[in-house]
Amino acid sequence: MDSDTTLEKLISILEAMTGVQRCDITEETTIREDLGMDALAQIELILTLEDAFAIELPETADFRTVGQLCDFINGCHTVSGFSSRFQTASASNGL
């Protein structure tokens, strides 16, 4: 998933969860201050993102901005994609 696609999906999720209009959500938008997400809402966000993007986020994750969160999600896809290919190659080579 490319960065723009991830950002658009993330913004849609944040809009649905917070009621903040998508035109007001950018990469610089802060999760706590601008979106008004308290600790409980952030835990709910993490669970929602794990399902939506098929990733695992650390429970102690502390993302300040939407852009930081987007970068982390993209990093998870890169790592998990590499890991899956490596495991498949290893298994077919008897490793």
PDB file of N, CA and C in Angstrom:
ATOM      1  N   MET A   1       0.864  -1.176   0.000  1.00  0.00           N
ATOM      2  CA  MET A   1       0.000   0.000   0.000  1.00  0.00           C
ATOM      3  C   MET A   1       0.902   1.227   0.000  1.00  0.00           C
ATOM      4  N   ASP A   2       0.638   2.153  -0.912  1.00  0.00           N
ATOM      5  CA  ASP A   2       1.479   3.338  -0.966  1.00  0.00           C
ATOM      6  C   ASP A   2       1.053   4.355   0.095  1.00  0.00           C
ATOM      7  N   SER A   3       1.910   5.327   0.314  1.00  0.00           N
ATOM      8  CA  SER A   3       1.705   6.305   1.380  1.00  0.00           C
ATOM      9  C   SER A   3       0.415   7.107   1.205  1.00  0.00           C
ATOM     10  N   ASP A   4       0.100   7.502  -0.044  1.00  0.00           N
ATOM     11  CA  ASP A   4      -1.120   8.282  -0.281  1.00  0.00           C
ATOM     12  C   ASP A   4      -2.372   7.468   0.027  1.00  0.00           C
ATOM     13  N   THR A   5      -2.361   6.190  -0.371  1.00  0.00           N
ATOM     14  CA  THR A   5      -3.509   5.316  -0.101  1.00  0.00           C
ATOM     15  C   THR A   5      -3.680   5.104   1.400  1.00  0.00           C
ATOM     16  N   THR A   6      -2.558   4.878   2.078  1.00  0.00           N
ATOM     17  CA  THR A   6      -2.596   4.701   3.533  1.00  0.00           C
ATOM     18  C   THR A   6      -3.152   5.952   4.202  1.00  0.00           C
ATOM     19  N   LEU A   7      -2.661   7.116   3.789  1.00  0.00           N
ATOM     20  CA  LEU A   7      -3.106   8.370   4.391  1.00  0.00           C
ATOM     21  C   LEU A   7      -4.598   8.574   4.166  1.00  0.00           C
ATOM     22  N   GLU A   8      -5.091   8.324   2.967  1.00  0.00           N
ATOM     23  CA  GLU A   8      -6.519   8.500   2.684  1.00  0.00           C
ATOM     24  C   GLU A   8      -7.378   7.568   3.536  1.00  0.00           C
ATOM     25  N   LYS A   9      -6.955   6.329   3.660  1.00  0.00           N
ATOM     26  CA  LYS A   9      -7.696   5.359   4.480  1.00  0.00           C
ATOM     27  C   LYS A   9      -7.654   5.775   5.950  1.00  0.00           C
ATOM     28  N   LEU A  10      -6.498   6.203   6.413  1.00  0.00           N
ATOM     29  CA  LEU A  10      -6.336   6.656   7.793  1.00  0.00           C
ATOM     30  C   LEU A  10      -7.215   7.873   8.073  1.00  0.00           C
ATOM     31  N   ILE A  11      -7.246   8.823   7.155  1.00  0.00           N
ATOM     32  CA  ILE A  11      -8.076  10.012   7.328  1.00  0.00           C
ATOM     33  C   ILE A  11      -9.553   9.634   7.382  1.00  0.00           C
ATOM     34  N   SER A  12      -9.982   8.703   6.554  1.00  0.00           N
ATOM     35  CA  SER A  12     -11.380   8.254   6.586  1.00  0.00           C
ATOM     36  C   SER A  12     -11.738   7.645   7.933  1.00  0.00           C
ATOM     37  N   ILE A  13     -10.838   6.845   8.474  1.00  0.00           N
ATOM     38  CA  ILE A  13     -11.068   6.223   9.780  1.00  0.00           C
ATOM     39  C   ILE A  13     -11.137   7.292  10.864  1.00  0.00           C
ATOM     40  N   LEU A  14     -10.195   8.231  10.835  1.00  0.00           N
ATOM     41  CA  LEU A  14     -10.178   9.300  11.839  1.00  0.00           C
ATOM     42  C   LEU A  14     -11.419  10.178  11.743  1.00  0.00           C
ATOM     43  N   GLU A  15     -11.866  10.450  10.549  1.00  0.00           N
ATOM     44  CA  GLU A  15     -13.081  11.249  10.362  1.00  0.00           C
ATOM     45  C   GLU A  15     -14.280  10.535  10.987  1.00  0.00           C
ATOM     46  N   ALA A  16     -14.393   9.239  10.737  1.00  0.00           N
ATOM     47  CA  ALA A  16     -15.512   8.466  11.277  1.00  0.00           C
ATOM     48  C   ALA A  16     -15.453   8.377  12.806  1.00  0.00           C
ATOM     49  N   MET A  17     -14.260   8.276  13.352  1.00  0.00           N
ATOM     50  CA  MET A  17     -14.120   8.115  14.799  1.00  0.00           C
ATOM     51  C   MET A  17     -14.251   9.420  15.562  1.00  0.00           C
ATOM     52  N   THR A  18     -13.839  10.537  14.947  1.00  0.00           N
ATOM     53  CA  THR A  18     -13.791  11.798  15.688  1.00  0.00           C
ATOM     54  C   THR A  18     -14.846  12.811  15.272  1.00  0.00           C
ATOM     55  N   GLY A  19     -15.379  12.659  14.066  1.00  0.00           N
ATOM     56  CA  GLY A  19     -16.322  13.648  13.561  1.00  0.00           C
ATOM     57  C   GLY A  19     -15.655  14.872  12.968  1.00  0.00           C
ATOM     58  N   VAL A  20     -14.314  14.895  12.971  1.00  0.00           N
ATOM     59  CA  VAL A  20     -13.582  15.993  12.353  1.00  0.00           C
ATOM     60  C   VAL A  20     -13.625  15.776  10.844  1.00  0.00           C
ATOM     61  N   GLN A  21     -13.952  16.812  10.098  1.00  0.00           N
ATOM     62  CA  GLN A  21     -14.053  16.681   8.649  1.00  0.00           C
ATOM     63  C   GLN A  21     -12.703  16.368   8.027  1.00  0.00           C
ATOM     64  N   ARG A  22     -12.742  15.510   7.001  1.00  0.00           N
ATOM     65  CA  ARG A  22     -11.504  15.055   6.356  1.00  0.00           C
ATOM     66  C   ARG A  22     -10.672  16.213   5.818  1.00  0.00           C
ATOM     67  N   CYS A  23     -11.306  17.307   5.391  1.00  0.00           N
ATOM     68  CA  CYS A  23     -10.538  18.449   4.873  1.00  0.00           C
ATOM     69  C   CYS A  23      -9.729  19.129   5.976  1.00  0.00           C
ATOM     70  N   ASP A  24     -10.065  18.864   7.238  1.00  0.00           N
ATOM     71  CA  ASP A  24      -9.342  19.443   8.366  1.00  0.00           C
ATOM     72  C   ASP A  24      -8.278  18.503   8.930  1.00  0.00           C
ATOM     73  N   ILE A  25      -8.135  17.306   8.331  1.00  0.00           N
ATOM     74  CA  ILE A  25      -7.157  16.329   8.808  1.00  0.00           C
ATOM     75  C   ILE A  25      -6.020  16.243   7.790  1.00  0.00           C
ATOM     76  N   THR A  26      -4.815  16.575   8.243  1.00  0.00           N
ATOM     77  CA  THR A  26      -3.620  16.516   7.396  1.00  0.00           C
ATOM     78  C   THR A  26      -2.563  15.691   8.123  1.00  0.00           C
ATOM     79  N   GLU A  27      -1.418  15.541   7.491  1.00  0.00           N
ATOM     80  CA  GLU A  27      -0.326  14.810   8.134  1.00  0.00           C
ATOM     81  C   GLU A  27       0.167  15.522   9.394  1.00  0.00           C
ATOM     82  N   GLU A  28      -0.014  16.820   9.459  1.00  0.00           N
ATOM     83  CA  GLU A  28       0.439  17.597  10.616  1.00  0.00           C
ATOM     84  C   GLU A  28      -0.582  17.628  11.751  1.00  0.00           C
ATOM     85  N   THR A  29      -1.783  17.132  11.508  1.00  0.00           N
ATOM     86  CA  THR A  29      -2.841  17.133  12.528  1.00  0.00           C
ATOM     87  C   THR A  29      -2.400  16.286  13.715  1.00  0.00           C
ATOM     88  N   THR A  30      -2.541  16.859  14.918  1.00  0.00           N
ATOM     89  CA  THR A  30      -2.171  16.104  16.115  1.00  0.00           C
ATOM     90  C   THR A  30      -3.368  15.272  16.582  1.00  0.00           C
ATOM     91  N   ILE A  31      -3.051  14.098  17.051  1.00  0.00           N
ATOM     92  CA  ILE A  31      -4.094  13.148  17.427  1.00  0.00           C
ATOM     93  C   ILE A  31      -4.800  13.584  18.704  1.00  0.00           C
ATOM     94  N   ARG A  32      -4.042  14.034  19.687  1.00  0.00           N
ATOM     95  CA  ARG A  32      -4.660  14.449  20.954  1.00  0.00           C
ATOM     96  C   ARG A  32      -5.290  15.832  20.871  1.00  0.00           C
ATOM     97  N   GLU A  33      -4.487  16.804  20.479  1.00  0.00           N
ATOM     98  CA  GLU A  33      -4.948  18.185  20.530  1.00  0.00           C
ATOM     99  C   GLU A  33      -5.963  18.511  19.435  1.00  0.00           C
ATOM    100  N   ASP A  34      -5.613  18.233  18.190  1.00  0.00           N
ATOM    101  CA  ASP A  34      -6.481  18.619  17.074  1.00  0.00           C
ATOM    102  C   ASP A  34      -7.704  17.714  16.916  1.00  0.00           C
ATOM    103  N   LEU A  35      -7.502  16.416  17.147  1.00  0.00           N
ATOM    104  CA  LEU A  35      -8.616  15.475  16.982  1.00  0.00           C
ATOM    105  C   LEU A  35      -9.346  15.199  18.294  1.00  0.00           C
ATOM    106  N   GLY A  36      -8.756  15.632  19.407  1.00  0.00           N
ATOM    107  CA  GLY A  36      -9.402  15.481  20.705  1.00  0.00           C
ATOM    108  C   GLY A  36      -9.518  14.046  21.194  1.00  0.00           C
ATOM    109  N   MET A  37      -8.580  13.190  20.780  1.00  0.00           N
ATOM    110  CA  MET A  37      -8.642  11.778  21.180  1.00  0.00           C
ATOM    111  C   MET A  37      -7.924  11.580  22.511  1.00  0.00           C
ATOM    112  N   ASP A  38      -8.687  11.155  23.521  1.00  0.00           N
ATOM    113  CA  ASP A  38      -8.084  10.856  24.817  1.00  0.00           C
ATOM    114  C   ASP A  38      -7.469   9.449  24.773  1.00  0.00           C
ATOM    115  N   ALA A  39      -6.937   8.998  25.903  1.00  0.00           N
ATOM    116  CA  ALA A  39      -6.233   7.706  25.944  1.00  0.00           C
ATOM    117  C   ALA A  39      -7.141   6.550  25.524  1.00  0.00           C
ATOM    118  N   LEU A  40      -8.375   6.549  25.978  1.00  0.00           N
ATOM    119  CA  LEU A  40      -9.307   5.475  25.625  1.00  0.00           C
ATOM    120  C   LEU A  40      -9.613   5.493  24.128  1.00  0.00           C
ATOM    121  N   ALA A  41      -9.837   6.661  23.576  1.00  0.00           N
ATOM    122  CA  ALA A  41     -10.108   6.782  22.140  1.00  0.00           C
ATOM    123  C   ALA A  41      -8.901   6.342  21.320  1.00  0.00           C
ATOM    124  N   GLN A  42      -7.699   6.596  21.834  1.00  0.00           N
ATOM    125  CA  GLN A  42      -6.497   6.182  21.121  1.00  0.00           C
ATOM    126  C   GLN A  42      -6.339   4.665  21.125  1.00  0.00           C
ATOM    127  N   ILE A  43      -6.721   4.021  22.203  1.00  0.00           N
ATOM    128  CA  ILE A  43      -6.688   2.555  22.248  1.00  0.00           C
ATOM    129  C   ILE A  43      -7.691   1.996  21.237  1.00  0.00           C
ATOM    130  N   GLU A  44      -8.858   2.582  21.195  1.00  0.00           N
ATOM    131  CA  GLU A  44      -9.859   2.172  20.212  1.00  0.00           C
ATOM    132  C   GLU A  44      -9.335   2.391  18.781  1.00  0.00           C
ATOM    133  N   LEU A  45      -8.637   3.497  18.575  1.00  0.00           N
ATOM    134  CA  LEU A  45      -8.047   3.782  17.271  1.00  0.00           C
ATOM    135  C   LEU A  45      -7.030   2.706  16.897  1.00  0.00           C
ATOM    136  N   ILE A  46      -6.167   2.346  17.823  1.00  0.00           N
ATOM    137  CA  ILE A  46      -5.159   1.319  17.559  1.00  0.00           C
ATOM    138  C   ILE A  46      -5.818   0.006  17.153  1.00  0.00           C
ATOM    139  N   LEU A  47      -6.860  -0.411  17.875  1.00  0.00           N
ATOM    140  CA  LEU A  47      -7.558  -1.647  17.537  1.00  0.00           C
ATOM    141  C   LEU A  47      -8.200  -1.565  16.158  1.00  0.00           C
ATOM    142  N   THR A  48      -8.789  -0.429  15.857  1.00  0.00           N
ATOM    143  CA  THR A  48      -9.420  -0.225  14.549  1.00  0.00           C
ATOM    144  C   THR A  48      -8.382  -0.282  13.430  1.00  0.00           C
ATOM    145  N   LEU A  49      -7.239   0.365  13.642  1.00  0.00           N
ATOM    146  CA  LEU A  49      -6.192   0.383  12.629  1.00  0.00           C
ATOM    147  C   LEU A  49      -5.583  -0.998  12.423  1.00  0.00           C
ATOM    148  N   GLU A  50      -5.446  -1.758  13.495  1.00  0.00           N
ATOM    149  CA  GLU A  50      -4.923  -3.116  13.359  1.00  0.00           C
ATOM    150  C   GLU A  50      -5.815  -3.949  12.447  1.00  0.00           C
ATOM    151  N   ASP A  51      -7.112  -3.818  12.620  1.00  0.00           N
ATOM    152  CA  ASP A  51      -8.051  -4.546  11.766  1.00  0.00           C
ATOM    153  C   ASP A  51      -8.045  -4.007  10.338  1.00  0.00           C
ATOM    154  N   ALA A  52      -8.078  -2.707  10.196  1.00  0.00           N
ATOM    155  CA  ALA A  52      -8.190  -2.081   8.878  1.00  0.00           C
ATOM    156  C   ALA A  52      -6.958  -2.308   8.007  1.00  0.00           C
ATOM    157  N   PHE A  53      -5.782  -2.325   8.627  1.00  0.00           N
ATOM    158  CA  PHE A  53      -4.544  -2.437   7.859  1.00  0.00           C
ATOM    159  C   PHE A  53      -3.860  -3.800   8.014  1.00  0.00           C
ATOM    160  N   ALA A  54      -4.459  -4.700   8.794  1.00  0.00           N
ATOM    161  CA  ALA A  54      -3.884  -6.037   9.034  1.00  0.00           C
ATOM    162  C   ALA A  54      -2.447  -5.930   9.555  1.00  0.00           C
ATOM    163  N   ILE A  55      -2.281  -5.112  10.595  1.00  0.00           N
ATOM    164  CA  ILE A  55      -0.974  -4.908  11.211  1.00  0.00           C
ATOM    165  C   ILE A  55      -1.122  -5.062  12.717  1.00  0.00           C
ATOM    166  N   GLU A  56      -0.002  -5.020  13.403  1.00  0.00           N
ATOM    167  CA  GLU A  56      -0.022  -5.023  14.855  1.00  0.00           C
ATOM    168  C   GLU A  56       0.724  -3.789  15.346  1.00  0.00           C
ATOM    169  N   LEU A  57       0.043  -2.977  16.116  1.00  0.00           N
ATOM    170  CA  LEU A  57       0.640  -1.772  16.681  1.00  0.00           C
ATOM    171  C   LEU A  57       0.938  -2.016  18.154  1.00  0.00           C
ATOM    172  N   PRO A  58       2.044  -1.517  18.656  1.00  0.00           N
ATOM    173  CA  PRO A  58       2.345  -1.677  20.077  1.00  0.00           C
ATOM    174  C   PRO A  58       1.337  -0.906  20.932  1.00  0.00           C
ATOM    175  N   GLU A  59       0.920  -1.527  22.024  1.00  0.00           N
ATOM    176  CA  GLU A  59      -0.054  -0.866  22.907  1.00  0.00           C
ATOM    177  C   GLU A  59       0.517   0.409  23.509  1.00  0.00           C
ATOM    178  N   THR A  60       1.816   0.484  23.584  1.00  0.00           N
ATOM    179  CA  THR A  60       2.462   1.663  24.162  1.00  0.00           C
ATOM    180  C   THR A  60       2.760   2.719  23.103  1.00  0.00           C
ATOM    181  N   ALA A  61       2.261   2.501  21.891  1.00  0.00           N
ATOM    182  CA  ALA A  61       2.514   3.445  20.802  1.00  0.00           C
ATOM    183  C   ALA A  61       2.010   4.833  21.188  1.00  0.00           C
ATOM    184  N   ASP A  62       2.823   5.818  20.911  1.00  0.00           N
ATOM    185  CA  ASP A  62       2.453   7.199  21.217  1.00  0.00           C
ATOM    186  C   ASP A  62       2.743   8.047  19.979  1.00  0.00           C
ATOM    187  N   PHE A  63       1.779   8.091  19.088  1.00  0.00           N
ATOM    188  CA  PHE A  63       1.931   8.839  17.858  1.00  0.00           C
ATOM    189  C   PHE A  63       1.364  10.229  18.064  1.00  0.00           C
ATOM    190  N   ARG A  64       2.161  11.239  17.799  1.00  0.00           N
ATOM    191  CA  ARG A  64       1.715  12.614  18.005  1.00  0.00           C
ATOM    192  C   ARG A  64       0.892  13.115  16.834  1.00  0.00           C
ATOM    193  N   THR A  65       1.313  12.803  15.607  1.00  0.00           N
ATOM    194  CA  THR A  65       0.613  13.332  14.440  1.00  0.00           C
ATOM    195  C   THR A  65       0.084  12.219  13.539  1.00  0.00           C
ATOM    196  N   VAL A  66      -0.819  12.597  12.668  1.00  0.00           N
ATOM    197  CA  VAL A  66      -1.376  11.670  11.683  1.00  0.00           C
ATOM    198  C   VAL A  66      -0.256  11.181  10.764  1.00  0.00           C
ATOM    199  N   GLY A  67       0.667  12.061  10.403  1.00  0.00           N
ATOM    200  CA  GLY A  67       1.781  11.689   9.544  1.00  0.00           C
ATOM    201  C   GLY A  67       2.680  10.638  10.170  1.00  0.00           C
ATOM    202  N   GLN A  68       2.961  10.769  11.467  1.00  0.00           N
ATOM    203  CA  GLN A  68       3.774   9.775  12.167  1.00  0.00           C
ATOM    204  C   GLN A  68       3.080   8.417  12.158  1.00  0.00           C
ATOM    205  N   LEU A  69       1.789   8.441  12.383  1.00  0.00           N
ATOM    206  CA  LEU A  69       1.014   7.203  12.383  1.00  0.00           C
ATOM    207  C   LEU A  69       1.015   6.574  10.995  1.00  0.00           C
ATOM    208  N   CYS A  70       0.841   7.371   9.973  1.00  0.00           N
ATOM    209  CA  CYS A  70       0.852   6.896   8.583  1.00  0.00           C
ATOM    210  C   CYS A  70       2.206   6.264   8.244  1.00  0.00           C
ATOM    211  N   ASP A  71       3.291   6.925   8.621  1.00  0.00           N
ATOM    212  CA  ASP A  71       4.630   6.393   8.369  1.00  0.00           C
ATOM    213  C   ASP A  71       4.825   5.051   9.066  1.00  0.00           C
ATOM    214  N   PHE A  72       4.345   4.940  10.293  1.00  0.00           N
ATOM    215  CA  PHE A  72       4.484   3.689  11.032  1.00  0.00           C
ATOM    216  C   PHE A  72       3.705   2.568  10.347  1.00  0.00           C
ATOM    217  N   ILE A  73       2.476   2.866   9.919  1.00  0.00           N
ATOM    218  CA  ILE A  73       1.654   1.862   9.226  1.00  0.00           C
ATOM    219  C   ILE A  73       2.349   1.401   7.953  1.00  0.00           C
ATOM    220  N   ASN A  74       2.872   2.332   7.175  1.00  0.00           N
ATOM    221  CA  ASN A  74       3.584   1.966   5.945  1.00  0.00           C
ATOM    222  C   ASN A  74       4.815   1.130   6.252  1.00  0.00           C
ATOM    223  N   GLY A  75       5.503   1.428   7.333  1.00  0.00           N
ATOM    224  CA  GLY A  75       6.659   0.636   7.748  1.00  0.00           C
ATOM    225  C   GLY A  75       6.277  -0.783   8.120  1.00  0.00           C
ATOM    226  N   CYS A  76       5.133  -0.945   8.749  1.00  0.00           N
ATOM    227  CA  CYS A  76       4.653  -2.285   9.112  1.00  0.00           C
ATOM    228  C   CYS A  76       4.385  -3.097   7.863  1.00  0.00           C
ATOM    229  N   HIS A  77       3.793  -2.499   6.857  1.00  0.00           N
ATOM    230  CA  HIS A  77       3.491  -3.222   5.619  1.00  0.00           C
ATOM    231  C   HIS A  77       4.779  -3.625   4.909  1.00  0.00           C
ATOM    232  N   THR A  78       5.776  -2.759   4.924  1.00  0.00           N
ATOM    233  CA  THR A  78       7.040  -3.073   4.281  1.00  0.00           C
ATOM    234  C   THR A  78       7.717  -4.237   4.990  1.00  0.00           C
ATOM    235  N   VAL A  79       7.775  -4.163   6.311  1.00  0.00           N
ATOM    236  CA  VAL A  79       8.426  -5.207   7.095  1.00  0.00           C
ATOM    237  C   VAL A  79       7.661  -6.520   6.979  1.00  0.00           C
ATOM    238  N   SER A  80       6.331  -6.491   7.129  1.00  0.00           N
ATOM    239  CA  SER A  80       5.575  -7.735   7.080  1.00  0.00           C
ATOM    240  C   SER A  80       5.603  -8.327   5.677  1.00  0.00           C
ATOM    241  N   GLY A  81       5.606  -7.488   4.633  1.00  0.00           N
ATOM    242  CA  GLY A  81       5.699  -7.989   3.268  1.00  0.00           C
ATOM    243  C   GLY A  81       7.035  -8.682   3.033  1.00  0.00           C
ATOM    244  N   PHE A  82       8.121  -8.087   3.513  1.00  0.00           N
ATOM    245  CA  PHE A  82       9.442  -8.687   3.385  1.00  0.00           C
ATOM    246  C   PHE A  82       9.494  -9.985   4.172  1.00  0.00           C
ATOM    247  N   SER A  83       8.994  -9.939   5.383  1.00  0.00           N
ATOM    248  CA  SER A  83       9.038 -11.105   6.253  1.00  0.00           C
ATOM    249  C   SER A  83       8.278 -12.279   5.637  1.00  0.00           C
ATOM    250  N   SER A  84       7.106 -12.016   5.067  1.00  0.00           N
ATOM    251  CA  SER A  84       6.310 -13.074   4.460  1.00  0.00           C
ATOM    252  C   SER A  84       7.037 -13.670   3.262  1.00  0.00           C
ATOM    253  N   ARG A  85       7.639 -12.830   2.425  1.00  0.00           N
ATOM    254  CA  ARG A  85       8.372 -13.333   1.260  1.00  0.00           C
ATOM    255  C   ARG A  85       9.573 -14.145   1.702  1.00  0.00           C
ATOM    256  N   PHE A  86      10.261 -13.685   2.751  1.00  0.00           N
ATOM    257  CA  PHE A  86      11.437 -14.390   3.240  1.00  0.00           C
ATOM    258  C   PHE A  86      11.042 -15.767   3.779  1.00  0.00           C
ATOM    259  N   GLN A  87       9.955 -15.821   4.541  1.00  0.00           N
ATOM    260  CA  GLN A  87       9.511 -17.090   5.096  1.00  0.00           C
ATOM    261  C   GLN A  87       9.114 -18.061   3.990  1.00  0.00           C
ATOM    262  N   THR A  88       8.437 -17.564   2.957  1.00  0.00           N
ATOM    263  CA  THR A  88       8.034 -18.403   1.838  1.00  0.00           C
ATOM    264  C   THR A  88       9.263 -18.943   1.106  1.00  0.00           C
ATOM    265  N   ALA A  89      10.237 -18.082   0.852  1.00  0.00           N
ATOM    266  CA  ALA A  89      11.462 -18.494   0.172  1.00  0.00           C
ATOM    267  C   ALA A  89      12.240 -19.491   1.021  1.00  0.00           C
ATOM    268  N   SER A  90      12.314 -19.241   2.317  1.00  0.00           N
ATOM    269  CA  SER A  90      13.027 -20.139   3.208  1.00  0.00           C
ATOM    270  C   SER A  90      12.382 -21.511   3.249  1.00  0.00           C
ATOM    271  N   ALA A  91      11.063 -21.527   3.311  1.00  0.00           N
ATOM    272  CA  ALA A  91      10.345 -22.794   3.374  1.00  0.00           C
ATOM    273  C   ALA A  91      10.537 -23.590   2.085  1.00  0.00           C
ATOM    274  N   SER A  92      10.528 -22.920   0.939  1.00  0.00           N
ATOM    275  CA  SER A  92      10.682 -23.632  -0.338  1.00  0.00           C
ATOM    276  C   SER A  92      12.118 -24.111  -0.538  1.00  0.00           C
ATOM    277  N   ASN A  93      13.063 -23.496   0.164  1.00  0.00           N
ATOM    278  CA  ASN A  93      14.471 -23.901   0.076  1.00  0.00           C
ATOM    279  C   ASN A  93      14.858 -24.870   1.190  1.00  0.00           C
ATOM    280  N   GLY A  94      13.885 -25.240   2.010  1.00  0.00           N
ATOM    281  CA  GLY A  94      14.155 -26.170   3.095  1.00  0.00           C
ATOM    282  C   GLY A  94      14.893 -25.570   4.272  1.00  0.00           C
ATOM    283  N   LEU A  95      14.842 -24.269   4.399  1.00  0.00           N
ATOM    284  CA  LEU A  95      15.532 -23.597   5.509  1.00  0.00           C
ATOM    285  C   LEU A  95      14.684 -23.543   6.739  1.00  0.00           C
TER     286      LEU A  95
END
